[in-house]
């Protein structure tokens, strides 16, 4: 006995798979454009993604929709890497690597995206709530692991810690931001650490 519908077997139709590939290629191209120039040109993005400009418009009818999608994709990467880091490193080191190698790197290399995002959300006055909640969730996961390991205080609020990490935005992308990010992470860690816990290095 066979099933006639692709959905009943769990497979993805070639057309749907192609749509997903195009969607991701557009986001990658747009992300690179925003990083480099802070601008969104549907024609340039279509050329870079190797799709028709009409395809870009079908996926993202406005520049604002595309910018928000790129932002949410970048946030998703920051969130998804947390469990990978916790598998690879001890909890304290995972926190430091996430803060300095991932979050700081994102903030320093995505200034064009940040500027475009501010313009795209000017009418709303706020960033997508789902992205913010995802970032709080990522910090919560890191805090749960470090708390269980006994290296941070148990009373830490993930929102407060995320606000502290927001200081990374003030680093100079043209200066020694990696060194400064490590110094900021160390300062924050000293306030988070449980009595007698080792430094975050």
Protein backbone atom coordinates (compact mmCIF):
# COMPACT_ATOMS: atom_id res chain seq x y z
CA UNK A 1 0.00 0.00 0.00
CA UNK A 2 1.43 3.40 -0.95
CA UNK A 3 0.57 6.91 0.08
CA UNK A 4 -0.13 9.43 -2.60
CA UNK A 5 0.52 12.68 -0.72
CA UNK A 6 4.07 13.79 -0.04
CA UNK A 7 3.03 15.23 3.31
CA UNK A 8 1.78 11.84 4.53
CA UNK A 9 5.26 10.33 4.14
CA UNK A 10 7.04 13.25 5.75
CA UNK A 11 8.87 14.16 2.54
CA UNK A 12 9.23 17.68 1.17
CA UNK A 13 8.17 18.42 -2.38
CA UNK A 14 10.90 19.67 -4.72
CA UNK A 15 9.03 22.94 -5.15
CA UNK A 16 8.83 23.54 -1.42
CA UNK A 17 12.48 22.62 -0.97
CA UNK A 18 13.41 25.04 -3.74
CA UNK A 19 11.36 27.76 -2.05
CA UNK A 20 13.18 27.19 1.22
CA UNK A 21 16.56 27.30 -0.49
CA UNK A 22 15.68 30.55 -2.21
CA UNK A 23 14.45 32.00 1.07
CA UNK A 24 17.75 31.19 2.79
CA UNK A 25 19.86 32.41 -0.14
CA UNK A 26 18.01 35.73 -0.12
CA UNK A 27 18.57 36.13 3.62
CA UNK A 28 22.27 35.33 3.29
CA UNK A 29 22.68 37.81 0.44
CA UNK A 30 20.73 40.49 2.27
CA UNK A 31 22.74 39.91 5.44
CA UNK A 32 26.01 40.35 3.58
CA UNK A 33 24.73 43.49 1.89
CA UNK A 34 23.55 45.01 5.16
CA UNK A 35 26.84 44.15 6.86
CA UNK A 36 28.87 45.75 4.09
CA UNK A 37 26.78 48.80 3.23
CA UNK A 38 23.80 49.02 5.57
CA UNK A 39 21.57 49.20 2.51
CA UNK A 40 18.95 46.98 0.92
CA UNK A 41 18.80 46.82 -2.87
CA UNK A 42 16.41 44.13 -4.07
CA UNK A 43 18.09 44.06 -7.48
CA UNK A 44 21.57 43.60 -5.99
CA UNK A 45 20.33 41.00 -3.51
CA UNK A 46 18.54 39.06 -6.26
CA UNK A 47 21.72 39.03 -8.34
CA UNK A 48 23.86 37.88 -5.43
CA UNK A 49 21.34 35.21 -4.42
CA UNK A 50 21.01 34.11 -8.06
CA UNK A 51 17.24 34.49 -8.08
CA UNK A 52 14.87 36.79 -9.91
CA UNK A 53 13.99 40.08 -8.28
CA UNK A 54 10.36 38.98 -8.35
CA UNK A 55 11.33 36.03 -6.16
CA UNK A 56 12.78 38.41 -3.60
CA UNK A 57 9.56 40.41 -3.54
CA UNK A 58 7.46 37.26 -3.19
CA UNK A 59 9.38 36.28 -0.07
CA UNK A 60 9.75 39.80 1.32
CA UNK A 61 7.27 42.38 -0.03
CA UNK A 62 9.04 45.34 1.63
CA UNK A 63 12.62 46.22 2.61
CA UNK A 64 11.47 46.42 6.23
CA UNK A 65 10.22 42.82 6.11
CA UNK A 66 13.55 41.67 4.70
CA UNK A 67 15.59 43.58 7.28
CA UNK A 68 13.55 42.14 10.14
CA UNK A 69 13.92 38.63 8.72
CA UNK A 70 17.70 39.05 8.50
CA UNK A 71 17.80 40.27 12.08
CA UNK A 72 15.72 37.35 13.33
CA UNK A 73 17.97 34.93 11.43
CA UNK A 74 21.06 36.39 13.07
CA UNK A 75 19.44 36.16 16.50
CA UNK A 76 18.48 32.55 15.81
CA UNK A 77 22.13 31.73 15.12
CA UNK A 78 23.17 33.35 18.41
CA UNK A 79 20.56 31.29 20.24
CA UNK A 80 21.20 28.00 18.45
CA UNK A 81 24.94 28.06 19.17
CA UNK A 82 24.40 28.04 22.96
CA UNK A 83 23.77 24.28 23.36
CA UNK A 84 26.67 23.60 20.99
CA UNK A 85 29.00 25.63 23.22
CA UNK A 86 27.71 23.94 26.36
CA UNK A 87 28.53 20.56 24.85
CA UNK A 88 32.03 21.70 23.88
CA UNK A 89 33.06 23.74 26.92
CA UNK A 90 32.59 23.87 30.67
CA UNK A 91 29.68 26.21 31.53
CA UNK A 92 31.83 29.19 32.57
CA UNK A 93 33.93 28.96 29.41
CA UNK A 94 30.79 28.53 27.28
CA UNK A 95 29.44 31.79 28.70
CA UNK A 96 32.68 33.63 27.95
CA UNK A 97 32.97 32.25 24.41
CA UNK A 98 29.35 33.12 23.66
CA UNK A 99 29.77 36.66 24.97
CA UNK A 100 33.11 37.45 23.34
CA UNK A 101 33.30 35.28 20.21
CA UNK A 102 29.65 35.27 19.17
CA UNK A 103 27.65 38.12 20.71
CA UNK A 104 30.46 40.70 20.54
CA UNK A 105 31.42 39.60 17.03
CA UNK A 106 27.80 40.00 15.93
CA UNK A 107 27.56 43.47 17.45
CA UNK A 108 30.83 44.64 15.91
CA UNK A 109 30.30 43.28 12.41
CA UNK A 110 26.59 43.99 12.02
CA UNK A 111 26.54 47.76 12.50
CA UNK A 112 25.02 48.21 9.05
CA UNK A 113 22.24 45.81 9.98
CA UNK A 114 21.73 47.64 13.29
CA UNK A 115 21.35 50.98 11.51
CA UNK A 116 18.93 49.51 8.97
CA UNK A 117 17.00 47.80 11.76
CA UNK A 118 16.57 51.06 13.65
CA UNK A 119 15.16 52.66 10.51
CA UNK A 120 12.91 49.66 9.79
CA UNK A 121 11.43 49.69 13.29
CA UNK A 122 11.20 53.47 13.65
CA UNK A 123 7.43 53.44 13.13
CA UNK A 124 6.99 50.66 15.69
CA UNK A 125 9.54 51.96 18.16
CA UNK A 126 10.63 48.47 19.19
CA UNK A 127 12.36 45.33 18.00
CA UNK A 128 10.46 42.08 17.42
CA UNK A 129 9.47 40.71 20.81
CA UNK A 130 10.17 37.14 19.71
CA UNK A 131 13.83 37.94 19.00
CA UNK A 132 14.31 39.63 22.37
CA UNK A 133 12.65 36.73 24.16
CA UNK A 134 14.90 34.31 22.31
CA UNK A 135 17.99 36.20 23.50
CA UNK A 136 16.71 36.16 27.07
CA UNK A 137 16.17 32.43 26.65
CA UNK A 138 19.76 31.95 25.46
CA UNK A 139 21.10 33.79 28.50
CA UNK A 140 18.75 31.77 30.73
CA UNK A 141 20.17 28.53 29.32
CA UNK A 142 23.74 29.68 29.99
CA UNK A 143 22.83 30.80 33.51
CA UNK A 144 21.09 27.51 34.27
CA UNK A 145 24.25 25.60 33.27
CA UNK A 146 26.60 27.88 35.21
CA UNK A 147 24.32 27.84 38.25
CA UNK A 148 24.17 24.05 38.20
CA UNK A 149 27.97 24.02 38.01
CA UNK A 150 28.07 26.23 41.10
CA UNK A 151 30.10 28.99 39.46
CA UNK A 152 27.52 31.81 39.48
CA UNK A 153 25.05 33.10 42.03
CA UNK A 154 21.64 31.46 41.96
CA UNK A 155 19.73 34.75 42.15
CA UNK A 156 20.79 36.15 38.76
CA UNK A 157 18.12 37.61 36.49
CA UNK A 158 18.69 36.76 32.79
CA UNK A 159 17.29 40.13 31.70
CA UNK A 160 19.77 41.98 33.93
CA UNK A 161 22.66 39.90 32.58
CA UNK A 162 21.55 40.57 29.00
CA UNK A 163 21.43 44.29 29.77
CA UNK A 164 24.97 44.04 31.09
CA UNK A 165 26.08 42.36 27.89
CA UNK A 166 24.47 45.25 26.03
CA UNK A 167 27.57 47.20 26.98
CA UNK A 168 29.28 45.40 24.10
CA UNK A 169 27.42 47.79 21.80
CA UNK A 170 29.64 50.61 23.03
CA UNK A 171 32.87 48.99 21.86
CA UNK A 172 34.75 50.49 18.92
CA UNK A 173 34.50 48.18 15.88
CA UNK A 174 37.63 49.83 14.50
CA UNK A 175 39.59 49.41 17.73
CA UNK A 176 40.68 46.52 19.93
CA UNK A 177 37.13 45.31 20.41
CA UNK A 178 38.07 41.67 21.03
CA UNK A 179 40.30 42.67 23.94
CA UNK A 180 37.69 45.09 25.24
CA UNK A 181 34.92 42.50 24.91
CA UNK A 182 36.98 40.06 27.00
CA UNK A 183 37.52 42.76 29.64
CA UNK A 184 33.79 43.55 29.77
CA UNK A 185 32.88 39.85 30.01
CA UNK A 186 35.38 39.46 32.85
CA UNK A 187 33.93 42.46 34.70
CA UNK A 188 30.40 41.15 34.32
CA UNK A 189 31.50 37.69 35.40
CA UNK A 190 33.01 39.05 38.61
CA UNK A 191 29.59 40.40 39.53
CA UNK A 192 27.90 37.12 38.60
CA UNK A 193 30.34 34.67 40.14
CA UNK A 194 29.52 32.63 43.20
CA UNK A 195 31.82 33.17 46.18
CA UNK A 196 35.08 31.31 45.63
CA UNK A 197 34.33 30.57 41.95
CA UNK A 198 37.19 30.70 39.46
CA UNK A 199 37.56 33.53 36.96
CA UNK A 200 35.83 33.18 33.60
CA UNK A 201 38.89 32.46 31.45
